[in-house]
PDB file of all heavy atoms in Angstrom:
ATOM      1  N   SER A   1      11.303  12.307  40.621  1.00  0.00           N
ATOM      2  CA  SER A   1      10.682  10.997  40.397  1.00  0.00           C
ATOM      3  C   SER A   1       9.209  10.978  40.775  1.00  0.00           C
ATOM      4  O   SER A   1       8.460  10.117  40.313  1.00  0.00           O
ATOM      5  CB  SER A   1      11.434   9.923  41.187  1.00  0.00           C
ATOM      6  OG  SER A   1      11.413  10.214  42.575  1.00  0.00           O
ATOM      7  N   ASP A   2       8.761  11.916  41.631  1.00  0.00           N
ATOM      8  CA  ASP A   2       7.360  11.960  42.045  1.00  0.00           C
ATOM      9  C   ASP A   2       6.460  12.606  41.003  1.00  0.00           C
ATOM     10  O   ASP A   2       5.245  12.366  41.013  1.00  0.00           O
ATOM     11  CB  ASP A   2       7.225  12.720  43.376  1.00  0.00           C
ATOM     12  CG  ASP A   2       7.953  12.033  44.509  1.00  0.00           C
ATOM     13  OD1 ASP A   2       7.943  10.789  44.541  1.00  0.00           O
ATOM     14  OD2 ASP A   2       8.546  12.741  45.353  1.00  0.00           O
ATOM     15  N   ALA A   3       7.013  13.450  40.148  1.00  0.00           N
ATOM     16  CA  ALA A   3       6.190  14.204  39.197  1.00  0.00           C
ATOM     17  C   ALA A   3       6.465  13.858  37.746  1.00  0.00           C
ATOM     18  O   ALA A   3       5.759  14.331  36.863  1.00  0.00           O
ATOM     19  CB  ALA A   3       6.400  15.710  39.408  1.00  0.00           C
ATOM     20  N   MET A   4       7.448  13.054  37.484  1.00  0.00           N
ATOM     21  CA  MET A   4       7.855  12.795  36.099  1.00  0.00           C
ATOM     22  C   MET A   4       6.862  11.867  35.398  1.00  0.00           C
ATOM     23  O   MET A   4       6.071  11.156  36.023  1.00  0.00           O
ATOM     24  CB  MET A   4       9.243  12.160  36.076  1.00  0.00           C
ATOM     25  CG  MET A   4       9.256  10.728  36.603  1.00  0.00           C
ATOM     26  SD  MET A   4      10.875   9.959  36.527  1.00  0.00           S
ATOM     27  CE  MET A   4      10.462   8.282  37.037  1.00  0.00           C
ATOM     28  N   THR A   5       6.932  11.873  34.065  1.00  0.00           N
ATOM     29  CA  THR A   5       6.239  10.897  33.233  1.00  0.00           C
ATOM     30  C   THR A   5       7.223   9.785  32.898  1.00  0.00           C
ATOM     31  O   THR A   5       8.318  10.063  32.399  1.00  0.00           O
ATOM     32  CB  THR A   5       5.730  11.546  31.935  1.00  0.00           C
ATOM     33  OG1 THR A   5       4.843  12.613  32.257  1.00  0.00           O
ATOM     34  CG2 THR A   5       5.014  10.532  31.068  1.00  0.00           C
ATOM     35  N   PRO A   6       6.914   8.534  33.194  1.00  0.00           N
ATOM     36  CA  PRO A   6       7.872   7.443  32.916  1.00  0.00           C
ATOM     37  C   PRO A   6       8.290   7.449  31.457  1.00  0.00           C
ATOM     38  O   PRO A   6       7.531   7.805  30.560  1.00  0.00           O
ATOM     39  CB  PRO A   6       7.082   6.179  33.283  1.00  0.00           C
ATOM     40  CG  PRO A   6       6.052   6.650  34.265  1.00  0.00           C
ATOM     41  CD  PRO A   6       5.686   8.037  33.836  1.00  0.00           C
ATOM     42  N   ILE A   7       9.521   7.031  31.226  1.00  0.00           N
ATOM     43  CA  ILE A   7      10.075   7.052  29.873  1.00  0.00           C
ATOM     44  C   ILE A   7       9.299   6.133  28.939  1.00  0.00           C
ATOM     45  O   ILE A   7       9.220   6.380  27.722  1.00  0.00           O
ATOM     46  CB  ILE A   7      11.574   6.645  29.917  1.00  0.00           C
ATOM     47  CG1 ILE A   7      12.303   7.145  28.658  1.00  0.00           C
ATOM     48  CG2 ILE A   7      11.727   5.154  30.106  1.00  0.00           C
ATOM     49  CD1 ILE A   7      12.494   8.610  28.604  1.00  0.00           C
ATOM     50  N   SER A   8       8.674   5.083  29.496  1.00  0.00           N
ATOM     51  CA  SER A   8       7.894   4.157  28.664  1.00  0.00           C
ATOM     52  C   SER A   8       6.606   4.785  28.158  1.00  0.00           C
ATOM     53  O   SER A   8       6.026   4.316  27.174  1.00  0.00           O
ATOM     54  CB  SER A   8       7.577   2.883  29.459  1.00  0.00           C
ATOM     55  OG  SER A   8       6.848   3.202  30.637  1.00  0.00           O
ATOM     56  N   GLU A   9       6.130   5.829  28.830  1.00  0.00           N
ATOM     57  CA  GLU A   9       4.898   6.499  28.427  1.00  0.00           C
ATOM     58  C   GLU A   9       5.163   7.815  27.700  1.00  0.00           C
ATOM     59  O   GLU A   9       4.233   8.559  27.407  1.00  0.00           O
ATOM     60  CB  GLU A   9       4.029   6.767  29.663  1.00  0.00           C
ATOM     61  CG  GLU A   9       3.674   5.509  30.449  1.00  0.00           C
ATOM     62  CD  GLU A   9       2.893   5.818  31.711  1.00  0.00           C
ATOM     63  OE1 GLU A   9       2.511   6.996  31.876  1.00  0.00           O
ATOM     64  OE2 GLU A   9       2.676   4.902  32.520  1.00  0.00           O
ATOM     65  N   THR A  10       6.418   8.098  27.423  1.00  0.00           N
ATOM     66  CA  THR A  10       6.787   9.356  26.788  1.00  0.00           C
ATOM     67  C   THR A  10       6.753   9.225  25.271  1.00  0.00           C
ATOM     68  O   THR A  10       7.274   8.250  24.709  1.00  0.00           O
ATOM     69  CB  THR A  10       8.196   9.789  27.239  1.00  0.00           C
ATOM     70  OG1 THR A  10       8.214   9.905  28.655  1.00  0.00           O
ATOM     71  CG2 THR A  10       8.575  11.121  26.615  1.00  0.00           C
ATOM     72  N   PHE A  11       6.150  10.187  24.606  1.00  0.00           N
ATOM     73  CA  PHE A  11       6.141  10.228  23.150  1.00  0.00           C
ATOM     74  C   PHE A  11       7.404  10.931  22.668  1.00  0.00           C
ATOM     75  O   PHE A  11       7.646  12.089  23.001  1.00  0.00           O
ATOM     76  CB  PHE A  11       4.902  10.979  22.649  1.00  0.00           C
ATOM     77  CG  PHE A  11       4.929  11.257  21.163  1.00  0.00           C
ATOM     78  CD1 PHE A  11       4.845  10.223  20.251  1.00  0.00           C
ATOM     79  CD2 PHE A  11       5.062  12.557  20.695  1.00  0.00           C
ATOM     80  CE1 PHE A  11       4.874  10.479  18.886  1.00  0.00           C
ATOM     81  CE2 PHE A  11       5.093  12.818  19.346  1.00  0.00           C
ATOM     82  CZ  PHE A  11       5.001  11.781  18.429  1.00  0.00           C
ATOM     83  N   ALA A  12       8.232  10.219  21.916  1.00  0.00           N
ATOM     84  CA  ALA A  12       9.478  10.763  21.385  1.00  0.00           C
ATOM     85  C   ALA A  12       9.658  10.267  19.959  1.00  0.00           C
ATOM     86  O   ALA A  12       9.085   9.248  19.550  1.00  0.00           O
ATOM     87  CB  ALA A  12      10.662  10.357  22.259  1.00  0.00           C
ATOM     88  N   ILE A  13      10.471  10.992  19.187  1.00  0.00           N
ATOM     89  CA  ILE A  13      10.714  10.630  17.792  1.00  0.00           C
ATOM     90  C   ILE A  13      12.200  10.395  17.576  1.00  0.00           C
ATOM     91  O   ILE A  13      13.043  10.966  18.274  1.00  0.00           O
ATOM     92  CB  ILE A  13      10.198  11.728  16.830  1.00  0.00           C
ATOM     93  CG1 ILE A  13      10.889  13.059  17.118  1.00  0.00           C
ATOM     94  CG2 ILE A  13       8.695  11.872  16.944  1.00  0.00           C
ATOM     95  CD1 ILE A  13      10.476  14.173  16.165  1.00  0.00           C
ATOM     96  N   ASP A  14      12.491   9.551  16.599  1.00  0.00           N
ATOM     97  CA  ASP A  14      13.872   9.210  16.282  1.00  0.00           C
ATOM     98  C   ASP A  14      14.506  10.336  15.481  1.00  0.00           C
ATOM     99  O   ASP A  14      13.870  10.940  14.608  1.00  0.00           O
ATOM    100  CB  ASP A  14      13.902   7.907  15.479  1.00  0.00           C
ATOM    101  CG  ASP A  14      15.313   7.352  15.317  1.00  0.00           C
ATOM    102  OD1 ASP A  14      16.275   8.040  15.738  1.00  0.00           O
ATOM    103  OD2 ASP A  14      15.444   6.250  14.763  1.00  0.00           O
ATOM    104  N   ILE A  15      15.771  10.637  15.792  1.00  0.00           N
ATOM    105  CA  ILE A  15      16.464  11.710  15.090  1.00  0.00           C
ATOM    106  C   ILE A  15      16.686  11.363  13.617  1.00  0.00           C
ATOM    107  O   ILE A  15      16.831  12.244  12.770  1.00  0.00           O
ATOM    108  CB  ILE A  15      17.805  12.041  15.778  1.00  0.00           C
ATOM    109  CG1 ILE A  15      18.359  13.357  15.243  1.00  0.00           C
ATOM    110  CG2 ILE A  15      18.797  10.898  15.616  1.00  0.00           C
ATOM    111  CD1 ILE A  15      19.571  13.853  15.985  1.00  0.00           C
ATOM    112  N   ASN A  16      16.679  10.074  13.296  1.00  0.00           N
ATOM    113  CA  ASN A  16      16.882   9.645  11.912  1.00  0.00           C
ATOM    114  C   ASN A  16      15.565   9.494  11.156  1.00  0.00           C
ATOM    115  O   ASN A  16      15.573   9.098   9.979  1.00  0.00           O
ATOM    116  CB  ASN A  16      17.652   8.322  11.868  1.00  0.00           C
ATOM    117  CG  ASN A  16      19.077   8.479  12.395  1.00  0.00           C
ATOM    118  OD1 ASN A  16      19.751   9.463  12.073  1.00  0.00           O
ATOM    119  ND2 ASN A  16      19.527   7.531  13.200  1.00  0.00           N
ATOM    120  N   ALA A  17      14.438   9.771  11.806  1.00  0.00           N
ATOM    121  CA  ALA A  17      13.144   9.664  11.130  1.00  0.00           C
ATOM    122  C   ALA A  17      12.944  10.852  10.194  1.00  0.00           C
ATOM    123  O   ALA A  17      13.655  11.871  10.262  1.00  0.00           O
ATOM    124  CB  ALA A  17      12.027   9.593  12.165  1.00  0.00           C
ATOM    125  N   LYS A  18      11.957  10.713   9.333  1.00  0.00           N
ATOM    126  CA  LYS A  18      11.621  11.779   8.401  1.00  0.00           C
ATOM    127  C   LYS A  18      10.256  12.361   8.756  1.00  0.00           C
ATOM    128  O   LYS A  18       9.334  11.625   9.129  1.00  0.00           O
ATOM    129  CB  LYS A  18      11.605  11.249   6.965  1.00  0.00           C
ATOM    130  CG  LYS A  18      12.968  10.792   6.466  1.00  0.00           C
ATOM    131  CD  LYS A  18      12.895  10.317   5.036  1.00  0.00           C
ATOM    132  CE  LYS A  18      14.277   9.882   4.534  1.00  0.00           C
ATOM    133  NZ  LYS A  18      14.229   9.412   3.116  1.00  0.00           N
ATOM    134  N   LEU A  19      10.163  13.670   8.631  1.00  0.00           N
ATOM    135  CA  LEU A  19       8.920  14.356   8.955  1.00  0.00           C
ATOM    136  C   LEU A  19       7.952  14.248   7.782  1.00  0.00           C
ATOM    137  O   LEU A  19       7.639  15.220   7.085  1.00  0.00           O
ATOM    138  CB  LEU A  19       9.215  15.819   9.297  1.00  0.00           C
ATOM    139  CG  LEU A  19      10.018  16.043  10.580  1.00  0.00           C
ATOM    140  CD1 LEU A  19      10.495  17.477  10.695  1.00  0.00           C
ATOM    141  CD2 LEU A  19       9.182  15.665  11.800  1.00  0.00           C
ATOM    142  N   ASP A  20       7.448  13.028   7.568  1.00  0.00           N
ATOM    143  CA  ASP A  20       6.474  12.816   6.510  1.00  0.00           C
ATOM    144  C   ASP A  20       5.072  13.080   7.035  1.00  0.00           C
ATOM    145  O   ASP A  20       4.884  13.513   8.172  1.00  0.00           O
ATOM    146  CB  ASP A  20       6.603  11.398   5.955  1.00  0.00           C
ATOM    147  CG  ASP A  20       6.538  10.338   7.053  1.00  0.00           C
ATOM    148  OD1 ASP A  20       6.167  10.689   8.201  1.00  0.00           O
ATOM    149  OD2 ASP A  20       6.868   9.170   6.785  1.00  0.00           O
ATOM    150  N   LYS A  21       4.093  12.802   6.217  1.00  0.00           N
ATOM    151  CA  LYS A  21       2.716  13.104   6.595  1.00  0.00           C
ATOM    152  C   LYS A  21       2.272  12.292   7.797  1.00  0.00           C
ATOM    153  O   LYS A  21       1.580  12.798   8.686  1.00  0.00           O
ATOM    154  CB  LYS A  21       1.804  12.824   5.396  1.00  0.00           C
ATOM    155  CG  LYS A  21       0.358  13.226   5.625  1.00  0.00           C
ATOM    156  CD  LYS A  21      -0.473  13.021   4.377  1.00  0.00           C
ATOM    157  CE  LYS A  21      -1.921  13.459   4.611  1.00  0.00           C
ATOM    158  NZ  LYS A  21      -2.763  13.277   3.399  1.00  0.00           N
ATOM    159  N   GLU A  22       2.677  11.024   7.844  1.00  0.00           N
ATOM    160  CA  GLU A  22       2.274  10.169   8.963  1.00  0.00           C
ATOM    161  C   GLU A  22       2.840  10.672  10.285  1.00  0.00           C
ATOM    162  O   GLU A  22       2.122  10.757  11.294  1.00  0.00           O
ATOM    163  CB  GLU A  22       2.733   8.739   8.693  1.00  0.00           C
ATOM    164  CG  GLU A  22       2.331   7.755   9.785  1.00  0.00           C
ATOM    165  CD  GLU A  22       2.825   6.336   9.497  1.00  0.00           C
ATOM    166  OE1 GLU A  22       3.425   6.124   8.418  1.00  0.00           O
ATOM    167  OE2 GLU A  22       2.620   5.467  10.366  1.00  0.00           O
ATOM    168  N   LEU A  23       4.138  11.008  10.297  1.00  0.00           N
ATOM    169  CA  LEU A  23       4.755  11.485  11.534  1.00  0.00           C
ATOM    170  C   LEU A  23       4.216  12.854  11.926  1.00  0.00           C
ATOM    171  O   LEU A  23       3.984  13.126  13.115  1.00  0.00           O
ATOM    172  CB  LEU A  23       6.278  11.538  11.373  1.00  0.00           C
ATOM    173  CG  LEU A  23       7.074  11.982  12.605  1.00  0.00           C
ATOM    174  CD1 LEU A  23       6.760  11.092  13.797  1.00  0.00           C
ATOM    175  CD2 LEU A  23       8.569  11.981  12.319  1.00  0.00           C
ATOM    176  N   MET A  24       4.000  13.732  10.962  1.00  0.00           N
ATOM    177  CA  MET A  24       3.457  15.059  11.267  1.00  0.00           C
ATOM    178  C   MET A  24       2.045  14.946  11.842  1.00  0.00           C
ATOM    179  O   MET A  24       1.696  15.647  12.799  1.00  0.00           O
ATOM    180  CB  MET A  24       3.458  15.906  10.009  1.00  0.00           C
ATOM    181  CG  MET A  24       4.850  16.227   9.473  1.00  0.00           C
ATOM    182  SD  MET A  24       5.705  17.493  10.422  1.00  0.00           S
ATOM    183  CE  MET A  24       4.923  18.953   9.799  1.00  0.00           C
ATOM    184  N   ASN A  25       1.227  14.044  11.289  1.00  0.00           N
ATOM    185  CA  ASN A  25      -0.116  13.835  11.833  1.00  0.00           C
ATOM    186  C   ASN A  25      -0.057  13.288  13.259  1.00  0.00           C
ATOM    187  O   ASN A  25      -0.880  13.647  14.113  1.00  0.00           O
ATOM    188  CB  ASN A  25      -0.905  12.880  10.943  1.00  0.00           C
ATOM    189  CG  ASN A  25      -1.286  13.501   9.614  1.00  0.00           C
ATOM    190  OD1 ASN A  25      -1.363  14.729   9.506  1.00  0.00           O
ATOM    191  ND2 ASN A  25      -1.522  12.668   8.607  1.00  0.00           N
ATOM    192  N   LEU A  26       0.915  12.415  13.516  1.00  0.00           N
ATOM    193  CA  LEU A  26       1.061  11.863  14.870  1.00  0.00           C
ATOM    194  C   LEU A  26       1.451  12.948  15.859  1.00  0.00           C
ATOM    195  O   LEU A  26       0.936  12.988  16.991  1.00  0.00           O
ATOM    196  CB  LEU A  26       2.109  10.748  14.851  1.00  0.00           C
ATOM    197  CG  LEU A  26       2.334  10.009  16.173  1.00  0.00           C
ATOM    198  CD1 LEU A  26       1.039   9.364  16.653  1.00  0.00           C
ATOM    199  CD2 LEU A  26       3.438   8.970  16.028  1.00  0.00           C
ATOM    200  N   ILE A  27       2.354  13.849  15.439  1.00  0.00           N
ATOM    201  CA  ILE A  27       2.752  14.955  16.324  1.00  0.00           C
ATOM    202  C   ILE A  27       1.572  15.870  16.602  1.00  0.00           C
ATOM    203  O   ILE A  27       1.347  16.307  17.739  1.00  0.00           O
ATOM    204  CB  ILE A  27       3.926  15.733  15.688  1.00  0.00           C
ATOM    205  CG1 ILE A  27       5.177  14.853  15.621  1.00  0.00           C
ATOM    206  CG2 ILE A  27       4.217  17.003  16.482  1.00  0.00           C
ATOM    207  CD1 ILE A  27       6.349  15.504  14.898  1.00  0.00           C
ATOM    208  N   VAL A  28       0.769  16.147  15.559  1.00  0.00           N
ATOM    209  CA  VAL A  28      -0.415  16.997  15.745  1.00  0.00           C
ATOM    210  C   VAL A  28      -1.423  16.317  16.650  1.00  0.00           C
ATOM    211  O   VAL A  28      -2.065  16.943  17.505  1.00  0.00           O
ATOM    212  CB  VAL A  28      -1.035  17.328  14.375  1.00  0.00           C
ATOM    213  CG1 VAL A  28      -2.359  18.048  14.558  1.00  0.00           C
ATOM    214  CG2 VAL A  28      -0.078  18.187  13.557  1.00  0.00           C
ATOM    215  N   GLU A  29      -1.582  15.003  16.486  1.00  0.00           N
ATOM    216  CA  GLU A  29      -2.535  14.273  17.312  1.00  0.00           C
ATOM    217  C   GLU A  29      -2.134  14.281  18.785  1.00  0.00           C
ATOM    218  O   GLU A  29      -2.990  14.405  19.671  1.00  0.00           O
ATOM    219  CB  GLU A  29      -2.637  12.835  16.808  1.00  0.00           C
ATOM    220  CG  GLU A  29      -3.618  11.980  17.597  1.00  0.00           C
ATOM    221  CD  GLU A  29      -3.640  10.542  17.112  1.00  0.00           C
ATOM    222  OE1 GLU A  29      -3.008  10.265  16.068  1.00  0.00           O
ATOM    223  OE2 GLU A  29      -4.268   9.703  17.785  1.00  0.00           O
ATOM    224  N   LYS A  30      -0.836  14.158  19.067  1.00  0.00           N
ATOM    225  CA  LYS A  30      -0.377  14.186  20.462  1.00  0.00           C
ATOM    226  C   LYS A  30      -0.590  15.553  21.084  1.00  0.00           C
ATOM    227  O   LYS A  30      -0.873  15.665  22.272  1.00  0.00           O
ATOM    228  CB  LYS A  30       1.097  13.788  20.543  1.00  0.00           C
ATOM    229  CG  LYS A  30       1.377  12.341  20.154  1.00  0.00           C
ATOM    230  CD  LYS A  30       0.692  11.369  21.103  1.00  0.00           C
ATOM    231  CE  LYS A  30       1.000   9.934  20.739  1.00  0.00           C
ATOM    232  NZ  LYS A  30       0.346   8.972  21.665  1.00  0.00           N
ATOM    233  N   GLY A  31      -0.432  16.614  20.297  1.00  0.00           N
ATOM    234  CA  GLY A  31      -0.721  17.955  20.794  1.00  0.00           C
ATOM    235  C   GLY A  31       0.309  18.541  21.725  1.00  0.00           C
ATOM    236  O   GLY A  31       0.016  19.510  22.422  1.00  0.00           O
ATOM    237  N   HIS A  32       1.524  17.985  21.747  1.00  0.00           N
ATOM    238  CA  HIS A  32       2.553  18.508  22.632  1.00  0.00           C
ATOM    239  C   HIS A  32       3.245  19.700  21.984  1.00  0.00           C
ATOM    240  O   HIS A  32       3.465  19.734  20.760  1.00  0.00           O
ATOM    241  CB  HIS A  32       3.594  17.435  22.955  1.00  0.00           C
ATOM    242  CG  HIS A  32       3.014  16.229  23.624  1.00  0.00           C
ATOM    243  ND1 HIS A  32       2.194  16.316  24.728  1.00  0.00           N
ATOM    244  CD2 HIS A  32       3.132  14.895  23.348  1.00  0.00           C
ATOM    245  CE1 HIS A  32       1.836  15.105  25.122  1.00  0.00           C
ATOM    246  NE2 HIS A  32       2.384  14.220  24.292  1.00  0.00           N
ATOM    247  N   SER A  33       3.611  20.676  22.784  1.00  0.00           N
ATOM    248  CA  SER A  33       4.357  21.837  22.274  1.00  0.00           C
ATOM    249  C   SER A  33       5.835  21.519  22.122  1.00  0.00           C
ATOM    250  O   SER A  33       6.543  22.199  21.372  1.00  0.00           O
ATOM    251  CB  SER A  33       4.173  23.035  23.206  1.00  0.00           C
ATOM    252  OG  SER A  33       4.669  22.741  24.506  1.00  0.00           O
ATOM    253  N   ARG A  34       6.322  20.490  22.825  1.00  0.00           N
ATOM    254  CA  ARG A  34       7.721  20.073  22.754  1.00  0.00           C
ATOM    255  C   ARG A  34       7.761  18.559  22.582  1.00  0.00           C
ATOM    256  O   ARG A  34       7.073  17.839  23.321  1.00  0.00           O
ATOM    257  CB  ARG A  34       8.495  20.483  24.012  1.00  0.00           C
ATOM    258  CG  ARG A  34       8.633  21.990  24.175  1.00  0.00           C
ATOM    259  CD  ARG A  34       9.128  22.346  25.571  1.00  0.00           C
ATOM    260  NE  ARG A  34       9.334  23.774  25.718  1.00  0.00           N
ATOM    261  CZ  ARG A  34       8.376  24.646  25.967  1.00  0.00           C
ATOM    262  NH1 ARG A  34       7.119  24.219  26.140  1.00  0.00           N
ATOM    263  NH2 ARG A  34       8.633  25.937  26.080  1.00  0.00           N
ATOM    264  N   VAL A  35       8.551  18.110  21.649  1.00  0.00           N
ATOM    265  CA  VAL A  35       8.636  16.677  21.365  1.00  0.00           C
ATOM    266  C   VAL A  35      10.076  16.234  21.575  1.00  0.00           C
ATOM    267  O   VAL A  35      10.992  16.746  20.911  1.00  0.00           O
ATOM    268  CB  VAL A  35       8.191  16.368  19.926  1.00  0.00           C
ATOM    269  CG1 VAL A  35       8.278  14.859  19.655  1.00  0.00           C
ATOM    270  CG2 VAL A  35       6.780  16.871  19.671  1.00  0.00           C
ATOM    271  N   PRO A  36      10.329  15.286  22.483  1.00  0.00           N
ATOM    272  CA  PRO A  36      11.702  14.794  22.698  1.00  0.00           C
ATOM    273  C   PRO A  36      12.213  14.044  21.460  1.00  0.00           C
ATOM    274  O   PRO A  36      11.445  13.400  20.734  1.00  0.00           O
ATOM    275  CB  PRO A  36      11.562  13.864  23.903  1.00  0.00           C
ATOM    276  CG  PRO A  36      10.288  14.264  24.571  1.00  0.00           C
ATOM    277  CD  PRO A  36       9.386  14.745  23.470  1.00  0.00           C
ATOM    278  N   VAL A  37      13.515  14.119  21.266  1.00  0.00           N
ATOM    279  CA  VAL A  37      14.175  13.443  20.152  1.00  0.00           C
ATOM    280  C   VAL A  37      15.207  12.483  20.743  1.00  0.00           C
ATOM    281  O   VAL A  37      16.011  12.873  21.599  1.00  0.00           O
ATOM    282  CB  VAL A  37      14.863  14.452  19.213  1.00  0.00           C
ATOM    283  CG1 VAL A  37      15.598  13.718  18.095  1.00  0.00           C
ATOM    284  CG2 VAL A  37      13.841  15.418  18.639  1.00  0.00           C
ATOM    285  N   TYR A  38      15.175  11.211  20.287  1.00  0.00           N
ATOM    286  CA  TYR A  38      16.113  10.229  20.807  1.00  0.00           C
ATOM    287  C   TYR A  38      17.017   9.731  19.688  1.00  0.00           C
ATOM    288  O   TYR A  38      16.745   9.896  18.494  1.00  0.00           O
ATOM    289  CB  TYR A  38      15.376   9.057  21.471  1.00  0.00           C
ATOM    290  CG  TYR A  38      14.573   8.189  20.531  1.00  0.00           C
ATOM    291  CD1 TYR A  38      15.163   7.112  19.868  1.00  0.00           C
ATOM    292  CD2 TYR A  38      13.221   8.428  20.322  1.00  0.00           C
ATOM    293  CE1 TYR A  38      14.429   6.308  19.003  1.00  0.00           C
ATOM    294  CE2 TYR A  38      12.474   7.627  19.466  1.00  0.00           C
ATOM    295  CZ  TYR A  38      13.085   6.569  18.807  1.00  0.00           C
ATOM    296  OH  TYR A  38      12.364   5.773  17.950  1.00  0.00           O
TER     297      TYR A  38
END
């Protein structure tokens, strides 16, 4: 709990979403190597 990133500030994508241009650009903009899926 001392080192975590709160869930409200976490970037995650919906498992039912589609990897379209908008979502792919958002993932590139965030720059994370791992993206949580909810």
